[in-house]
N, C-alpha and C. Protein backbone atom coordinates (compact mmCIF):
# COMPACT_ATOMS: atom_id res chain seq x y z
N MET A 1 21.51 -9.85 -5.42
CA MET A 1 20.68 -9.96 -4.24
C MET A 1 19.22 -9.89 -4.66
N PRO A 2 18.40 -10.84 -4.23
CA PRO A 2 16.99 -10.82 -4.62
C PRO A 2 16.25 -9.67 -3.95
N LEU A 3 15.27 -9.16 -4.66
CA LEU A 3 14.46 -8.08 -4.11
C LEU A 3 13.49 -8.64 -3.07
N ARG A 4 13.35 -7.89 -1.98
CA ARG A 4 12.40 -8.30 -0.96
C ARG A 4 11.02 -7.88 -1.40
N THR A 5 10.10 -8.81 -1.33
CA THR A 5 8.73 -8.46 -1.67
C THR A 5 8.08 -7.81 -0.46
N ALA A 6 7.02 -7.08 -0.72
CA ALA A 6 6.30 -6.41 0.35
C ALA A 6 5.62 -7.44 1.23
N CYS A 7 5.25 -7.02 2.42
CA CYS A 7 4.50 -7.90 3.32
C CYS A 7 3.24 -8.36 2.59
N PRO A 8 2.92 -9.64 2.67
CA PRO A 8 1.75 -10.14 1.94
C PRO A 8 0.45 -9.52 2.46
N ILE A 9 -0.27 -8.94 1.55
CA ILE A 9 -1.57 -8.34 1.88
C ILE A 9 -2.57 -8.94 0.91
N ALA A 10 -3.65 -9.49 1.43
CA ALA A 10 -4.65 -10.13 0.57
C ALA A 10 -6.04 -9.57 0.89
N PRO A 11 -6.39 -8.43 0.30
CA PRO A 11 -7.72 -7.87 0.57
C PRO A 11 -8.81 -8.64 -0.16
N SER A 12 -9.98 -8.66 0.43
CA SER A 12 -11.12 -9.27 -0.25
C SER A 12 -11.55 -8.35 -1.38
N ALA A 13 -12.48 -8.78 -2.20
CA ALA A 13 -12.95 -7.97 -3.33
C ALA A 13 -13.56 -6.66 -2.84
N ALA A 14 -14.33 -6.72 -1.76
CA ALA A 14 -14.95 -5.51 -1.23
C ALA A 14 -13.90 -4.56 -0.66
N ASP A 15 -12.91 -5.12 0.05
CA ASP A 15 -11.83 -4.29 0.59
C ASP A 15 -11.02 -3.66 -0.52
N ARG A 16 -10.73 -4.44 -1.55
CA ARG A 16 -9.95 -3.92 -2.68
C ARG A 16 -10.69 -2.77 -3.36
N ALA A 17 -11.99 -2.89 -3.51
CA ALA A 17 -12.78 -1.81 -4.12
C ALA A 17 -12.73 -0.55 -3.27
N ARG A 18 -12.81 -0.72 -1.96
CA ARG A 18 -12.77 0.44 -1.06
C ARG A 18 -11.39 1.11 -1.08
N VAL A 19 -10.33 0.29 -1.09
CA VAL A 19 -8.98 0.84 -1.14
C VAL A 19 -8.74 1.52 -2.49
N LYS A 20 -9.24 0.93 -3.56
CA LYS A 20 -9.10 1.53 -4.88
C LYS A 20 -9.79 2.88 -4.95
N ALA A 21 -10.98 2.98 -4.37
CA ALA A 21 -11.70 4.25 -4.35
C ALA A 21 -10.91 5.30 -3.57
N THR A 22 -10.26 4.88 -2.50
CA THR A 22 -9.43 5.80 -1.71
C THR A 22 -8.19 6.21 -2.50
N ALA A 23 -7.58 5.25 -3.18
CA ALA A 23 -6.34 5.51 -3.90
C ALA A 23 -6.54 6.46 -5.08
N TYR A 24 -7.70 6.43 -5.68
CA TYR A 24 -7.92 7.24 -6.88
C TYR A 24 -8.99 8.30 -6.70
N GLY A 25 -9.43 8.51 -5.46
CA GLY A 25 -10.44 9.53 -5.19
C GLY A 25 -9.86 10.93 -5.24
N HIS A 26 -10.58 11.84 -5.83
CA HIS A 26 -10.08 13.21 -5.98
C HIS A 26 -10.22 14.02 -4.70
N LYS A 27 -11.09 13.61 -3.81
CA LYS A 27 -11.29 14.36 -2.58
C LYS A 27 -10.59 13.70 -1.38
N THR A 28 -9.83 12.65 -1.64
CA THR A 28 -9.12 11.95 -0.58
C THR A 28 -7.87 12.73 -0.18
N GLU A 29 -7.60 12.77 1.11
CA GLU A 29 -6.38 13.40 1.60
C GLU A 29 -5.16 12.73 0.95
N HIS A 30 -4.18 13.52 0.58
CA HIS A 30 -3.02 13.03 -0.18
C HIS A 30 -2.31 11.88 0.54
N ARG A 31 -2.10 12.02 1.83
CA ARG A 31 -1.40 10.99 2.60
C ARG A 31 -2.14 9.66 2.52
N LEU A 32 -3.46 9.69 2.66
CA LEU A 32 -4.24 8.45 2.59
C LEU A 32 -4.25 7.88 1.18
N ARG A 33 -4.27 8.76 0.18
CA ARG A 33 -4.27 8.30 -1.21
C ARG A 33 -2.98 7.54 -1.52
N VAL A 34 -1.85 8.10 -1.10
CA VAL A 34 -0.56 7.45 -1.37
C VAL A 34 -0.46 6.14 -0.60
N ARG A 35 -0.92 6.14 0.64
CA ARG A 35 -0.86 4.92 1.44
C ARG A 35 -1.75 3.83 0.83
N ALA A 36 -2.90 4.20 0.30
CA ALA A 36 -3.77 3.23 -0.36
C ALA A 36 -3.10 2.68 -1.62
N GLN A 37 -2.37 3.53 -2.34
CA GLN A 37 -1.65 3.05 -3.51
C GLN A 37 -0.57 2.05 -3.12
N VAL A 38 0.09 2.29 -2.00
CA VAL A 38 1.11 1.36 -1.51
C VAL A 38 0.46 0.00 -1.20
N VAL A 39 -0.70 0.02 -0.56
CA VAL A 39 -1.41 -1.22 -0.23
C VAL A 39 -1.79 -1.96 -1.51
N LEU A 40 -2.27 -1.25 -2.53
CA LEU A 40 -2.64 -1.90 -3.78
C LEU A 40 -1.43 -2.52 -4.48
N HIS A 41 -0.31 -1.81 -4.48
CA HIS A 41 0.91 -2.37 -5.09
C HIS A 41 1.36 -3.62 -4.33
N ALA A 42 1.29 -3.58 -3.01
CA ALA A 42 1.69 -4.75 -2.21
C ALA A 42 0.75 -5.92 -2.47
N ALA A 43 -0.53 -5.64 -2.65
CA ALA A 43 -1.49 -6.71 -2.92
C ALA A 43 -1.22 -7.36 -4.28
N ARG A 44 -0.61 -6.61 -5.18
CA ARG A 44 -0.23 -7.17 -6.48
C ARG A 44 1.07 -7.96 -6.42
N GLY A 45 1.75 -7.95 -5.25
CA GLY A 45 2.97 -8.72 -5.07
C GLY A 45 4.22 -8.01 -5.52
N ARG A 46 4.19 -6.70 -5.63
CA ARG A 46 5.36 -5.96 -6.07
C ARG A 46 6.37 -5.83 -4.94
N SER A 47 7.64 -5.64 -5.31
CA SER A 47 8.69 -5.50 -4.31
C SER A 47 8.63 -4.13 -3.65
N ASN A 48 9.22 -4.03 -2.46
CA ASN A 48 9.25 -2.75 -1.76
C ASN A 48 9.94 -1.68 -2.60
N ALA A 49 11.04 -2.06 -3.26
CA ALA A 49 11.79 -1.09 -4.08
C ALA A 49 10.95 -0.58 -5.24
N ARG A 50 10.21 -1.47 -5.88
CA ARG A 50 9.36 -1.05 -7.00
C ARG A 50 8.22 -0.16 -6.52
N ILE A 51 7.64 -0.50 -5.37
CA ILE A 51 6.57 0.34 -4.81
C ILE A 51 7.12 1.74 -4.52
N ALA A 52 8.30 1.80 -3.92
CA ALA A 52 8.91 3.10 -3.62
C ALA A 52 9.16 3.89 -4.89
N GLN A 53 9.64 3.24 -5.91
CA GLN A 53 9.93 3.91 -7.18
C GLN A 53 8.65 4.43 -7.83
N GLU A 54 7.60 3.62 -7.85
CA GLU A 54 6.37 4.01 -8.54
C GLU A 54 5.58 5.07 -7.78
N THR A 55 5.71 5.09 -6.47
CA THR A 55 4.96 6.08 -5.69
C THR A 55 5.78 7.32 -5.38
N GLY A 56 7.10 7.25 -5.57
CA GLY A 56 7.95 8.38 -5.27
C GLY A 56 8.25 8.55 -3.79
N LEU A 57 8.01 7.51 -3.02
CA LEU A 57 8.28 7.54 -1.58
C LEU A 57 9.66 6.95 -1.29
N PRO A 58 10.25 7.36 -0.17
CA PRO A 58 11.50 6.69 0.24
C PRO A 58 11.24 5.22 0.58
N LEU A 59 12.21 4.39 0.31
CA LEU A 59 12.08 2.96 0.56
C LEU A 59 11.77 2.67 2.02
N ASP A 60 12.39 3.40 2.94
CA ASP A 60 12.14 3.18 4.36
C ASP A 60 10.69 3.47 4.73
N THR A 61 10.09 4.46 4.10
CA THR A 61 8.68 4.78 4.37
C THR A 61 7.79 3.64 3.92
N VAL A 62 8.06 3.10 2.74
CA VAL A 62 7.26 1.97 2.23
C VAL A 62 7.39 0.78 3.18
N ARG A 63 8.62 0.48 3.60
CA ARG A 63 8.82 -0.65 4.52
C ARG A 63 8.08 -0.44 5.84
N ARG A 64 8.19 0.79 6.38
CA ARG A 64 7.55 1.07 7.66
C ARG A 64 6.03 0.98 7.55
N TRP A 65 5.46 1.58 6.50
CA TRP A 65 4.00 1.54 6.34
C TRP A 65 3.50 0.10 6.19
N LEU A 66 4.19 -0.69 5.38
CA LEU A 66 3.73 -2.07 5.19
C LEU A 66 3.94 -2.92 6.43
N ALA A 67 4.99 -2.65 7.20
CA ALA A 67 5.19 -3.36 8.46
C ALA A 67 4.09 -3.00 9.45
N GLU A 68 3.71 -1.73 9.49
CA GLU A 68 2.61 -1.31 10.37
C GLU A 68 1.30 -1.95 9.93
N ASP A 69 1.07 -2.02 8.62
CA ASP A 69 -0.16 -2.61 8.11
C ASP A 69 -0.20 -4.12 8.35
N ALA A 70 0.97 -4.76 8.44
CA ALA A 70 1.00 -6.19 8.72
C ALA A 70 0.67 -6.46 10.19
N VAL A 71 1.07 -5.54 11.08
CA VAL A 71 0.81 -5.71 12.51
C VAL A 71 -0.62 -5.31 12.85
N LYS A 72 -1.02 -4.12 12.40
CA LYS A 72 -2.38 -3.63 12.65
C LYS A 72 -3.15 -3.73 11.34
N PRO A 73 -4.37 -4.20 11.37
CA PRO A 73 -5.13 -4.29 10.12
C PRO A 73 -5.23 -2.94 9.43
N TRP A 74 -5.05 -2.93 8.12
CA TRP A 74 -5.08 -1.70 7.36
C TRP A 74 -6.50 -1.29 7.01
N GLN A 75 -7.46 -2.17 7.21
CA GLN A 75 -8.83 -1.89 6.81
C GLN A 75 -9.41 -0.66 7.50
N HIS A 76 -8.99 -0.37 8.71
CA HIS A 76 -9.59 0.75 9.44
C HIS A 76 -9.18 2.10 8.86
N ARG A 77 -8.14 2.12 8.02
CA ARG A 77 -7.68 3.40 7.46
C ARG A 77 -8.52 3.85 6.28
N PHE A 78 -9.14 2.91 5.57
CA PHE A 78 -9.81 3.25 4.33
C PHE A 78 -11.29 3.08 4.41
């Protein structure tokens, strides 16, 4: 069975820099940091299963977060 890729997310260079700063910031709230990492992995075209494995999140959480980000713009979070 082929792996399902994450919802396509294509941030601009400025958005990617802002999300990267959130994902690797030391003063960022943990929940936002992990969510930003999920967005970066999805932008790289990784599968939901691989994102879940690399972030240590349940697969359902990754699917739900990316589905929410596909419906509502994710830019307002970061």
